[in-house]
Amino acid sequence: MLKWIYRVPLVGFFVKSAVNGSYAERLAFAVNILALIGICVAVFGYPVVIVAALVMTAVMFTIIVGVTSQALWSRSVD
């Protein structure tokens, strides 16, 4: 999945830097993401916060289902 993100011209460079870089680069990446969300809220308003919360709800639901279903897939059928 990360290889696909790395191929996006500008975003890939920043993600690769955040994954492989030092603590300062990771912190700068997090600050830039928060600044981007802040700018989007300033431009588009409160719906950006709502959409971001809905997207993160779907992502976390998928992660929770994936983690809890690992036990079902790892069992052998005898």
C-alpha atoms as a PDB file:
ATOM      1  CA  MET A   1       0.000   0.000   0.000  1.00  0.00           C
ATOM      2  CA  LEU A   2       2.778   2.432   0.834  1.00  0.00           C
ATOM      3  CA  LYS A   3       4.479   1.785  -2.496  1.00  0.00           C
ATOM      4  CA  TRP A   4       1.418   3.197  -4.250  1.00  0.00           C
ATOM      5  CA  ILE A   5       1.434   6.275  -2.032  1.00  0.00           C
ATOM      6  CA  TYR A   6       5.166   6.743  -2.653  1.00  0.00           C
ATOM      7  CA  ARG A   7       4.450   7.030  -6.392  1.00  0.00           C
ATOM      8  CA  VAL A   8       2.214  10.101  -5.969  1.00  0.00           C
ATOM      9  CA  PRO A   9       4.557  12.955  -6.909  1.00  0.00           C
ATOM     10  CA  LEU A  10       4.403  15.356  -3.962  1.00  0.00           C
ATOM     11  CA  VAL A  11       2.566  13.366  -1.315  1.00  0.00           C
ATOM     12  CA  GLY A  12       4.817  10.333  -1.740  1.00  0.00           C
ATOM     13  CA  PHE A  13       7.917  12.298  -0.835  1.00  0.00           C
ATOM     14  CA  PHE A  14       6.365  13.590   2.381  1.00  0.00           C
ATOM     15  CA  VAL A  15       4.992  10.197   3.407  1.00  0.00           C
ATOM     16  CA  LYS A  16       8.321   8.489   2.701  1.00  0.00           C
ATOM     17  CA  SER A  17      10.057  11.151   4.756  1.00  0.00           C
ATOM     18  CA  ALA A  18       7.603  10.640   7.630  1.00  0.00           C
ATOM     19  CA  VAL A  19       7.958   6.844   7.573  1.00  0.00           C
ATOM     20  CA  ASN A  20      11.731   6.627   7.177  1.00  0.00           C
ATOM     21  CA  GLY A  21      12.814   9.941   8.668  1.00  0.00           C
ATOM     22  CA  SER A  22      13.804  11.174  12.070  1.00  0.00           C
ATOM     23  CA  TYR A  23      11.546  12.300  14.881  1.00  0.00           C
ATOM     24  CA  ALA A  24      11.661  15.902  13.647  1.00  0.00           C
ATOM     25  CA  GLU A  25      10.452  14.887  10.177  1.00  0.00           C
ATOM     26  CA  ARG A  26       7.588  12.879  11.665  1.00  0.00           C
ATOM     27  CA  LEU A  27       6.624  15.794  13.870  1.00  0.00           C
ATOM     28  CA  ALA A  28       6.743  18.193  10.906  1.00  0.00           C
ATOM     29  CA  PHE A  29       4.514  15.813   8.911  1.00  0.00           C
ATOM     30  CA  ALA A  30       1.948  15.699  11.739  1.00  0.00           C
ATOM     31  CA  VAL A  31       1.988  19.487  12.085  1.00  0.00           C
ATOM     32  CA  ASN A  32       1.502  19.879   8.321  1.00  0.00           C
ATOM     33  CA  ILE A  33      -1.478  17.494   8.347  1.00  0.00           C
ATOM     34  CA  LEU A  34      -3.057  19.429  11.225  1.00  0.00           C
ATOM     35  CA  ALA A  35      -2.400  22.714   9.403  1.00  0.00           C
ATOM     36  CA  LEU A  36      -4.004  21.290   6.249  1.00  0.00           C
ATOM     37  CA  ILE A  37      -7.104  20.285   8.209  1.00  0.00           C
ATOM     38  CA  GLY A  38      -7.199  23.742   9.804  1.00  0.00           C
ATOM     39  CA  ILE A  39      -6.971  25.474   6.437  1.00  0.00           C
ATOM     40  CA  CYS A  40      -9.732  23.228   5.052  1.00  0.00           C
ATOM     41  CA  VAL A  41     -11.956  24.113   8.015  1.00  0.00           C
ATOM     42  CA  ALA A  42     -11.239  27.815   7.475  1.00  0.00           C
ATOM     43  CA  VAL A  43     -12.086  27.599   3.775  1.00  0.00           C
ATOM     44  CA  PHE A  44     -14.945  25.094   3.688  1.00  0.00           C
ATOM     45  CA  GLY A  45     -16.280  25.364   7.226  1.00  0.00           C
ATOM     46  CA  TYR A  46     -17.590  22.904   9.774  1.00  0.00           C
ATOM     47  CA  PRO A  47     -18.607  20.156   7.285  1.00  0.00           C
ATOM     48  CA  VAL A  48     -14.912  19.294   6.899  1.00  0.00           C
ATOM     49  CA  VAL A  49     -14.814  18.297  10.570  1.00  0.00           C
ATOM     50  CA  ILE A  50     -17.939  16.177  10.163  1.00  0.00           C
ATOM     51  CA  VAL A  51     -16.661  14.427   7.027  1.00  0.00           C
ATOM     52  CA  ALA A  52     -13.270  13.791   8.643  1.00  0.00           C
ATOM     53  CA  ALA A  53     -14.973  12.262  11.687  1.00  0.00           C
ATOM     54  CA  LEU A  54     -17.153  10.040   9.509  1.00  0.00           C
ATOM     55  CA  VAL A  55     -14.176   8.853   7.479  1.00  0.00           C
ATOM     56  CA  MET A  56     -12.159   8.088  10.602  1.00  0.00           C
ATOM     57  CA  THR A  57     -15.131   6.180  12.033  1.00  0.00           C
ATOM     58  CA  ALA A  58     -15.171   3.941   8.970  1.00  0.00           C
ATOM     59  CA  VAL A  59     -11.396   3.469   9.113  1.00  0.00           C
ATOM     60  CA  MET A  60     -11.404   2.560  12.805  1.00  0.00           C
ATOM     61  CA  PHE A  61     -14.359   0.206  12.316  1.00  0.00           C
ATOM     62  CA  THR A  62     -12.436  -1.577   9.570  1.00  0.00           C
ATOM     63  CA  ILE A  63      -9.334  -1.824  11.764  1.00  0.00           C
ATOM     64  CA  ILE A  64     -11.327  -3.191  14.711  1.00  0.00           C
ATOM     65  CA  VAL A  65     -13.067  -5.789  12.551  1.00  0.00           C
ATOM     66  CA  GLY A  66      -9.745  -6.759  10.985  1.00  0.00           C
ATOM     67  CA  VAL A  67      -8.007  -7.165  14.323  1.00  0.00           C
ATOM     68  CA  THR A  68     -10.818  -9.148  15.905  1.00  0.00           C
ATOM     69  CA  SER A  69     -11.263 -11.407  12.887  1.00  0.00           C
ATOM     70  CA  GLN A  70      -7.607 -12.480  12.869  1.00  0.00           C
ATOM     71  CA  ALA A  71      -8.410 -15.125  15.480  1.00  0.00           C
ATOM     72  CA  LEU A  72     -11.058 -16.613  13.213  1.00  0.00           C
ATOM     73  CA  TRP A  73      -8.713 -16.874  10.233  1.00  0.00           C
ATOM     74  CA  SER A  74      -5.755 -18.303  12.152  1.00  0.00           C
ATOM     75  CA  ARG A  75      -7.635 -21.317  13.528  1.00  0.00           C
ATOM     76  CA  SER A  76      -7.126 -24.559  11.687  1.00  0.00           C
ATOM     77  CA  VAL A  77     -10.100 -26.649  10.754  1.00  0.00           C
ATOM     78  CA  ASP A  78      -9.698 -30.265  11.857  1.00  0.00           C
END
